Amino acid sequence: MMKKIFVMGLVVMTVILSGCGGSVEETPTPEAEMEFAPVVSVTGEVTPAVWATLSPRTGGTVQEVLVEPDDEVTEGDVVIRLDDTDARLAVRQAEVAVETAQAQLALLKAGPRPEEIAVAESQIEAARTAISQTIAQRNQLTVGTTEAEIAAAEAEVASAELARKAAEDHYDQIRGKIHGWIEEEAILQLHAAEQALEAAQAWLAQVRGSAWAQIRSADAAIQSAEVQKHIAQAQLDLIKAGATAEEIAVSEAAVAEAEAALETVRVALERCEVRAPFAGTVGAVNVRVGELGTPGQPLITLGDLSTLRVETTDLDEIDVARVEVGQQADVTFDALPEQVFTGRVVRISPMAEPGTGGVNYTVILELDDLDPRDSGVIRWGMTAFVDIEVDQ
């Protein structure tokens, strides 16, 4: 529709009759005295005030397309779902990491258990007994070695071997599963058992050898037993003291880090779904199942049809200077040629639209009596013809 500017004022009819020699008196009529308001005529397009092009925030294969054009959706409805297999696996791994870190922190905060203290105390008592026995054995060497002493030494080796095997089995059970002071305690126990075995074996050899060698071996056994006692006492003190503030802080940081990682992968999982940001009607679907979606790719066009309005498409820089917010307008559509809709200007774009091939400005008009749900005729994207009433 070509733009026109109609300006009409008071019209005085003058009739000159050529060749008749006569004249008619100039008399204004009521119709001639009518004044018509000037208008700016432009074309426009029907568009919702609330609409959006929905795109994925992550890439992936389209697994489900849950809407079709003209479907009604509510805010938060899933409209597109991408393949989320990898994202779900990442979430599960992160959940396990959080559970592990939380268990480690709880173990540190719980402090020593009575059973652990009892074990450490029994180790101290065993070390004291070993010291007493080795001292006694050394004293016996001064009067000579007997078969009974050799048998006792062999029994001690057997006992030490059993103790070392028990310590080794205990350490194998917790290795790589439980960390912290419990693992350290198991290592110390194993080392102590190995040292006790070595001392017992050395003692046996010395019993079988010369008295002097046996005496020196006994001295070494005494020293070893004393070392074991000191180790057991230090371990008991460590158990009773519990975890340090620094150890707890490190464990808490590990929990926080695991939780942050879990939140990150959960967000990645949520991004495998494209949701409606508001309630509205699906205008277009631009993707099919099996296609690859990329971040920012337009997949769904969604609009709230209860907010339909008209936006001008060819208002030039001359006419826009005459348009003001609040001015009345008449709007017609080819679909309803006999019906004129009234409306008003509610907003004027402060700058020209780019890429239009000329200098054009967008003016937004709200219609007073347009109800697309009742009429079923005026649709999103239709062309409108607009006459805006402007001042002289």
Protein backbone atom coordinates (compact mmCIF):
# COMPACT_ATOMS: atom_id res chain seq x y z
CA MET A 1 0.00 0.00 0.00
CA MET A 2 1.58 3.33 -1.01
CA LYS A 3 1.97 5.96 1.65
CA LYS A 4 -0.17 9.03 1.33
CA ILE A 5 -0.52 12.23 3.28
CA PHE A 6 -3.99 13.66 3.06
CA VAL A 7 -4.42 17.28 4.14
CA MET A 8 -7.85 18.78 3.53
CA GLY A 9 -9.11 22.21 4.65
CA LEU A 10 -12.16 24.33 4.08
CA VAL A 11 -13.33 23.92 0.45
CA VAL A 12 -15.10 26.77 -1.37
CA MET A 13 -16.89 25.75 -4.54
CA THR A 14 -16.70 28.21 -7.41
CA VAL A 15 -18.56 27.46 -10.56
CA ILE A 16 -17.68 29.44 -13.66
CA LEU A 17 -19.95 28.89 -16.54
CA SER A 18 -17.97 29.57 -19.72
CA GLY A 19 -19.85 30.79 -22.69
CA CYS A 20 -23.02 31.54 -20.71
CA GLY A 21 -21.97 34.92 -19.43
CA GLY A 22 -23.46 34.17 -16.14
CA SER A 23 -22.08 33.44 -12.68
CA VAL A 24 -23.13 31.59 -9.56
CA GLU A 25 -22.85 33.18 -6.13
CA GLU A 26 -20.14 31.55 -3.99
CA THR A 27 -21.92 30.01 -1.02
CA PRO A 28 -20.11 27.65 1.40
CA THR A 29 -21.95 24.40 2.16
CA PRO A 30 -21.77 22.35 5.41
CA GLU A 31 -19.86 19.62 3.55
CA ALA A 32 -17.35 22.17 2.29
CA GLU A 33 -16.74 23.42 5.84
CA MET A 34 -15.82 19.90 7.19
CA GLU A 35 -12.22 19.46 8.35
CA PHE A 36 -10.35 16.16 8.02
CA ALA A 37 -7.50 15.22 10.35
CA PRO A 38 -4.21 14.55 8.52
CA VAL A 39 -2.91 11.00 8.66
CA VAL A 40 0.32 9.12 8.03
CA SER A 41 -0.37 5.89 6.17
CA VAL A 42 2.12 3.02 6.53
CA THR A 43 2.20 -0.76 6.48
CA GLY A 44 2.96 -2.95 9.47
CA GLU A 45 3.18 -6.51 10.70
CA VAL A 46 1.24 -8.35 13.39
CA THR A 47 3.61 -9.65 16.08
CA PRO A 48 3.31 -10.60 19.75
CA ALA A 49 4.74 -8.27 22.34
CA VAL A 50 6.19 -11.36 24.04
CA TRP A 51 7.98 -13.82 21.78
CA ALA A 52 11.32 -15.61 21.57
CA THR A 53 13.41 -17.93 19.45
CA LEU A 54 14.47 -20.87 21.63
CA SER A 55 17.96 -22.34 21.20
CA PRO A 56 19.97 -25.01 23.06
CA ARG A 57 22.72 -23.92 25.43
CA THR A 58 24.77 -27.01 24.63
CA GLY A 59 25.37 -29.23 21.63
CA GLY A 60 24.04 -32.73 21.03
CA THR A 61 21.80 -34.96 19.00
CA VAL A 62 18.11 -34.10 19.18
CA GLN A 63 16.45 -36.99 21.01
CA GLU A 64 12.88 -35.68 21.31
CA VAL A 65 10.82 -32.87 19.77
CA LEU A 66 7.88 -32.51 22.14
CA VAL A 67 5.86 -29.76 20.40
CA GLU A 68 4.39 -28.89 17.02
CA PRO A 69 3.29 -25.55 15.54
CA ASP A 70 0.16 -24.15 17.22
CA ASP A 71 0.76 -26.17 20.42
CA GLU A 72 0.12 -24.33 23.68
CA VAL A 73 2.87 -24.55 26.31
CA THR A 74 3.26 -23.25 29.83
CA GLU A 75 6.34 -21.73 31.42
CA GLY A 76 8.98 -24.38 32.08
CA ASP A 77 7.61 -27.01 29.70
CA VAL A 78 10.29 -29.08 27.92
CA VAL A 79 10.00 -28.54 24.16
CA ILE A 80 13.27 -30.11 22.95
CA ARG A 81 15.38 -32.81 24.61
CA LEU A 82 18.95 -33.57 23.51
CA ASP A 83 20.80 -36.86 24.12
CA ASP A 84 21.86 -36.70 27.79
CA THR A 85 23.61 -40.08 28.22
CA ASP A 86 27.07 -38.64 28.85
CA ALA A 87 25.71 -35.92 31.11
CA ARG A 88 23.87 -38.46 33.30
CA LEU A 89 27.01 -40.58 33.68
CA ALA A 90 28.98 -37.50 34.68
CA VAL A 91 26.37 -36.65 37.32
CA ARG A 92 26.54 -40.15 38.81
CA GLN A 93 30.34 -40.04 38.99
CA ALA A 94 30.21 -36.65 40.66
CA GLU A 95 27.64 -37.90 43.20
CA VAL A 96 29.94 -40.78 44.17
CA ALA A 97 32.83 -38.35 44.58
CA VAL A 98 30.72 -36.20 46.92
CA GLU A 99 29.69 -39.21 49.00
CA THR A 100 33.32 -40.31 49.34
CA ALA A 101 34.51 -36.86 50.40
CA GLN A 102 31.66 -36.54 52.91
CA ALA A 103 32.46 -39.95 54.40
CA GLN A 104 36.11 -39.01 54.81
CA LEU A 105 35.14 -35.76 56.55
CA ALA A 106 32.71 -37.57 58.87
CA LEU A 107 35.45 -40.04 59.78
CA LEU A 108 37.82 -37.24 60.74
CA LYS A 109 35.20 -35.39 62.78
CA ALA A 110 34.01 -38.52 64.58
CA GLY A 111 37.30 -38.87 66.44
CA PRO A 112 38.78 -42.09 67.82
CA ARG A 113 36.57 -45.05 68.70
CA PRO A 114 37.03 -46.96 71.99
CA GLU A 115 38.04 -50.06 70.03
CA GLU A 116 40.90 -48.19 68.35
CA ILE A 117 42.17 -46.89 71.68
CA ALA A 118 42.01 -50.41 73.16
CA VAL A 119 44.05 -51.80 70.25
CA ALA A 120 46.72 -49.13 70.67
CA GLU A 121 46.92 -49.73 74.42
CA SER A 122 47.26 -53.49 73.88
CA GLN A 123 50.14 -52.82 71.50
CA ILE A 124 51.90 -50.78 74.16
CA GLU A 125 51.43 -53.55 76.68
CA ALA A 126 52.72 -56.11 74.19
CA ALA A 127 55.80 -53.95 73.59
CA ARG A 128 56.44 -53.76 77.34
CA THR A 129 56.15 -57.52 77.62
CA ALA A 130 58.57 -57.96 74.74
CA ILE A 131 61.08 -55.71 76.45
CA SER A 132 60.84 -57.68 79.68
CA GLN A 133 61.24 -60.96 77.84
CA THR A 134 64.27 -59.89 75.84
CA ILE A 135 65.95 -58.53 78.96
CA ALA A 136 65.36 -61.81 80.71
CA GLN A 137 66.70 -63.75 77.75
CA ARG A 138 69.82 -61.66 77.64
CA ASN A 139 70.38 -62.30 81.34
CA GLN A 140 70.12 -66.04 80.79
CA LEU A 141 72.88 -65.93 78.24
CA THR A 142 75.36 -65.22 80.98
CA VAL A 143 74.95 -68.78 82.27
CA GLY A 144 74.73 -70.46 78.85
CA THR A 145 72.24 -71.42 76.25
CA THR A 146 69.94 -74.40 76.76
CA GLU A 147 67.67 -76.41 74.53
CA ALA A 148 64.75 -74.81 76.26
CA GLU A 149 66.05 -71.38 75.29
CA ILE A 150 66.38 -72.46 71.67
CA ALA A 151 62.83 -73.80 71.71
CA ALA A 152 61.61 -70.57 73.24
CA ALA A 153 63.39 -68.58 70.57
CA GLU A 154 61.83 -70.69 67.83
CA ALA A 155 58.41 -70.19 69.37
CA GLU A 156 59.00 -66.46 69.43
CA VAL A 157 59.88 -66.51 65.72
CA ALA A 158 56.69 -68.42 64.97
CA SER A 159 54.66 -65.97 67.02
CA ALA A 160 56.30 -63.02 65.30
CA GLU A 161 55.55 -64.53 61.91
CA LEU A 162 51.90 -64.89 62.82
CA ALA A 163 51.81 -61.32 64.08
CA ARG A 164 53.44 -60.03 60.89
CA LYS A 165 50.97 -62.03 58.76
CA ALA A 166 48.04 -60.64 60.74
CA ALA A 167 49.34 -57.08 60.35
CA GLU A 168 49.88 -57.62 56.63
CA ASP A 169 46.34 -58.98 56.16
CA HIS A 170 44.89 -56.03 58.07
CA TYR A 171 46.76 -53.55 55.90
CA ASP A 172 45.70 -55.30 52.67
CA GLN A 173 42.05 -55.03 53.73
CA ILE A 174 42.11 -51.23 54.08
CA ARG A 175 44.73 -50.29 51.50
CA GLY A 176 43.25 -47.91 48.92
CA LYS A 177 39.86 -47.84 50.68
CA ILE A 178 40.35 -45.90 53.89
CA HIS A 179 42.87 -43.09 54.19
CA GLY A 180 44.14 -40.92 57.01
CA TRP A 181 45.36 -41.97 60.40
CA ILE A 182 43.70 -45.43 60.17
CA GLU A 183 45.84 -46.30 57.15
CA GLU A 184 48.92 -44.84 58.82
CA GLU A 185 48.23 -46.94 61.91
CA ALA A 186 48.04 -50.11 59.78
CA ILE A 187 51.35 -49.26 58.12
CA LEU A 188 53.02 -48.67 61.47
CA GLN A 189 51.64 -51.95 62.80
CA LEU A 190 52.99 -53.83 59.78
CA HIS A 191 56.41 -52.23 60.12
CA ALA A 192 56.47 -53.02 63.81
CA ALA A 193 55.51 -56.66 63.15
CA GLU A 194 58.22 -56.97 60.52
CA GLN A 195 60.78 -55.55 62.90
CA ALA A 196 59.61 -57.92 65.62
CA LEU A 197 59.98 -60.86 63.25
CA GLU A 198 63.43 -59.77 62.23
CA ALA A 199 64.39 -59.40 65.89
CA ALA A 200 62.97 -62.84 66.75
CA GLN A 201 64.82 -64.44 63.83
CA ALA A 202 68.01 -62.74 64.83
CA TRP A 203 67.48 -63.87 68.40
CA LEU A 204 67.06 -67.46 67.33
CA ALA A 205 70.24 -67.32 65.30
CA GLN A 206 72.09 -65.85 68.18
CA VAL A 207 70.76 -68.46 70.56
CA ARG A 208 72.14 -71.09 68.25
CA GLY A 209 75.44 -69.32 67.93
CA SER A 210 77.92 -68.09 70.42
CA ALA A 211 76.86 -66.65 73.73
CA TRP A 212 78.43 -63.33 72.91
CA ALA A 213 76.56 -63.03 69.64
CA GLN A 214 73.38 -63.99 71.46
CA ILE A 215 73.95 -61.29 73.99
CA ARG A 216 74.40 -58.68 71.28
CA SER A 217 71.28 -59.96 69.54
CA ALA A 218 69.39 -59.71 72.78
CA ASP A 219 70.46 -56.14 73.13
CA ALA A 220 69.19 -55.44 69.61
CA ALA A 221 65.91 -57.15 70.45
CA ILE A 222 65.53 -55.01 73.51
CA GLN A 223 66.12 -51.89 71.45
CA SER A 224 63.61 -53.09 68.84
CA ALA A 225 61.02 -53.76 71.51
CA GLU A 226 61.59 -50.33 72.94
CA VAL A 227 61.13 -48.80 69.49
CA GLN A 228 57.87 -50.70 69.12
CA LYS A 229 56.73 -49.41 72.47
CA HIS A 230 57.51 -45.82 71.48
CA ILE A 231 55.70 -46.29 68.17
CA ALA A 232 52.66 -47.76 69.91
CA GLN A 233 52.64 -44.93 72.45
CA ALA A 234 52.89 -42.30 69.69
CA GLN A 235 50.07 -43.99 67.82
CA LEU A 236 47.90 -43.99 70.94
CA ASP A 237 48.58 -40.30 71.47
CA LEU A 238 47.70 -39.61 67.84
CA ILE A 239 44.45 -41.54 68.10
CA LYS A 240 43.41 -39.74 71.27
CA ALA A 241 44.26 -36.33 69.80
CA GLY A 242 41.99 -36.92 66.80
CA ALA A 243 42.19 -35.03 63.52
CA THR A 244 43.80 -31.60 63.48
CA ALA A 245 41.96 -28.46 62.44
CA GLU A 246 44.08 -28.34 59.30
CA GLU A 247 43.16 -31.91 58.34
CA ILE A 248 39.46 -31.17 58.85
CA ALA A 249 39.79 -27.96 56.80
CA VAL A 250 41.42 -29.88 53.96
CA SER A 251 38.67 -32.51 54.08
CA GLU A 252 35.96 -29.83 54.10
CA ALA A 253 37.56 -28.20 51.08
CA ALA A 254 37.52 -31.56 49.31
CA VAL A 255 33.78 -31.87 50.02
CA ALA A 256 33.12 -28.35 48.72
CA GLU A 257 35.13 -29.06 45.58
CA ALA A 258 33.24 -32.30 44.95
CA GLU A 259 29.89 -30.54 45.47
CA ALA A 260 30.87 -27.77 43.05
CA ALA A 261 31.83 -30.35 40.45
CA LEU A 262 28.48 -32.08 40.97
CA GLU A 263 26.60 -28.81 40.50
CA THR A 264 28.53 -28.16 37.28
CA VAL A 265 27.58 -31.48 35.71
CA ARG A 266 23.98 -31.10 36.91
CA VAL A 267 23.79 -27.80 35.05
CA ALA A 268 25.21 -29.53 31.98
CA LEU A 269 22.47 -32.16 32.31
CA GLU A 270 19.75 -29.50 32.60
CA ARG A 271 21.06 -27.83 29.46
CA CYS A 272 20.22 -30.96 27.49
CA GLU A 273 16.60 -29.77 27.74
CA VAL A 274 15.17 -26.70 26.01
CA ARG A 275 12.31 -25.27 28.08
CA ALA A 276 9.68 -22.65 27.38
CA PRO A 277 10.62 -19.39 29.16
CA PHE A 278 6.97 -18.28 29.27
CA ALA A 279 3.48 -19.52 28.43
CA GLY A 280 2.55 -19.16 24.79
CA THR A 281 1.92 -20.74 21.41
CA VAL A 282 4.49 -22.51 19.26
CA GLY A 283 4.83 -20.59 16.02
CA ALA A 284 7.47 -22.69 14.26
CA VAL A 285 9.58 -25.83 14.81
CA ASN A 286 12.87 -25.83 12.89
CA VAL A 287 14.42 -29.16 13.93
CA ARG A 288 13.75 -32.90 13.66
CA VAL A 289 14.69 -35.89 15.81
CA GLY A 290 18.18 -37.16 15.01
CA GLU A 291 19.55 -33.82 13.86
CA LEU A 292 22.53 -32.22 15.59
CA GLY A 293 21.69 -29.19 17.70
CA THR A 294 24.33 -26.55 18.37
CA PRO A 295 24.40 -23.74 20.96
CA GLY A 296 22.50 -20.70 19.70
CA GLN A 297 20.80 -22.56 16.87
CA PRO A 298 17.15 -21.39 16.50
CA LEU A 299 14.97 -24.44 17.08
CA ILE A 300 11.56 -23.19 18.28
CA THR A 301 9.73 -19.88 17.80
CA LEU A 302 7.37 -19.19 20.70
CA GLY A 303 4.98 -16.28 21.23
CA ASP A 304 2.23 -15.15 23.58
CA LEU A 305 -0.67 -14.55 21.18
CA SER A 306 -2.64 -12.73 23.84
CA THR A 307 -0.20 -9.81 23.36
CA LEU A 308 -0.55 -9.35 19.59
CA ARG A 309 0.17 -5.85 18.34
CA VAL A 310 1.22 -4.08 15.14
CA GLU A 311 4.76 -2.94 14.34
CA THR A 312 5.27 -0.65 11.37
CA THR A 313 7.69 -1.74 8.64
CA ASP A 314 8.09 1.29 6.32
CA LEU A 315 7.73 4.47 8.36
CA ASP A 316 10.35 6.81 6.90
CA GLU A 317 12.35 9.57 8.55
CA ILE A 318 10.02 12.31 7.28
CA ASP A 319 6.82 10.82 8.61
CA VAL A 320 8.25 9.61 11.91
CA ALA A 321 8.83 13.23 12.91
CA ARG A 322 5.04 13.74 12.90
CA VAL A 323 4.22 10.64 14.96
CA GLU A 324 3.90 10.84 18.73
CA VAL A 325 3.11 8.36 21.50
CA GLY A 326 -0.60 8.35 22.28
CA GLN A 327 -1.82 9.22 18.78
CA GLN A 328 -4.85 7.30 17.53
CA ALA A 329 -4.73 5.06 14.48
CA ASP A 330 -7.02 3.01 12.25
CA VAL A 331 -5.78 -0.44 11.25
CA THR A 332 -7.12 -2.74 8.55
CA PHE A 333 -6.18 -6.20 7.31
CA ASP A 334 -6.69 -7.90 3.97
CA ALA A 335 -8.23 -10.81 5.88
CA LEU A 336 -10.97 -8.48 7.22
CA PRO A 337 -11.40 -5.81 4.53
CA GLU A 338 -14.69 -4.52 5.93
CA GLN A 339 -13.49 -4.13 9.51
CA VAL A 340 -11.45 -1.23 10.88
CA PHE A 341 -9.60 -1.69 14.16
CA THR A 342 -8.71 1.24 16.35
CA GLY A 343 -5.49 1.55 18.22
CA ARG A 344 -2.86 3.95 19.53
CA VAL A 345 0.87 4.52 19.32
CA VAL A 346 2.59 3.16 22.44
CA ARG A 347 6.25 3.32 21.45
CA ILE A 348 8.53 4.83 18.79
CA SER A 349 11.93 3.35 18.02
CA PRO A 350 14.72 5.84 18.81
CA MET A 351 16.85 4.65 15.87
CA ALA A 352 16.34 3.42 12.34
CA GLU A 353 16.04 -0.30 11.64
CA PRO A 354 19.26 -1.74 10.15
CA GLY A 355 19.34 -3.47 6.77
CA THR A 356 16.01 -2.15 5.48
CA GLY A 357 17.40 -0.52 2.33
CA GLY A 358 16.27 2.89 3.56
CA VAL A 359 15.79 4.92 6.69
CA ASN A 360 12.78 3.39 8.40
CA TYR A 361 11.64 3.50 12.01
CA THR A 362 9.50 1.05 13.93
CA VAL A 363 6.38 2.34 15.67
CA ILE A 364 4.43 -0.03 17.91
CA LEU A 365 0.64 0.20 18.07
CA GLU A 366 -1.68 -1.57 20.47
CA LEU A 367 -5.16 -2.35 19.16
CA ASP A 368 -8.18 -1.66 21.29
CA ASP A 369 -10.49 -4.43 20.07
CA LEU A 370 -8.30 -7.20 18.66
CA ASP A 371 -8.94 -10.61 20.19
CA PRO A 372 -7.25 -13.24 18.03
CA ARG A 373 -8.59 -16.11 20.10
CA ASP A 374 -12.16 -15.06 19.30
CA SER A 375 -11.77 -14.02 15.69
CA GLY A 376 -9.33 -16.75 14.64
CA VAL A 377 -8.46 -14.59 11.61
CA ILE A 378 -5.73 -12.15 12.62
CA ARG A 379 -2.53 -14.13 12.90
CA TRP A 380 1.09 -13.57 13.79
CA GLY A 381 2.99 -12.21 10.78
CA MET A 382 0.00 -10.76 8.86
CA THR A 383 0.39 -7.46 7.06
CA ALA A 384 -1.53 -4.49 8.51
CA PHE A 385 -2.41 -1.15 6.90
CA VAL A 386 -2.17 1.70 9.37
CA ASP A 387 -3.45 5.29 9.27
CA ILE A 388 -2.00 7.29 12.16
CA GLU A 389 -3.76 10.54 12.98
CA VAL A 390 -1.12 13.24 13.24
CA ASP A 391 -1.12 16.96 13.91
CA GLN A 392 -1.15 19.55 11.13
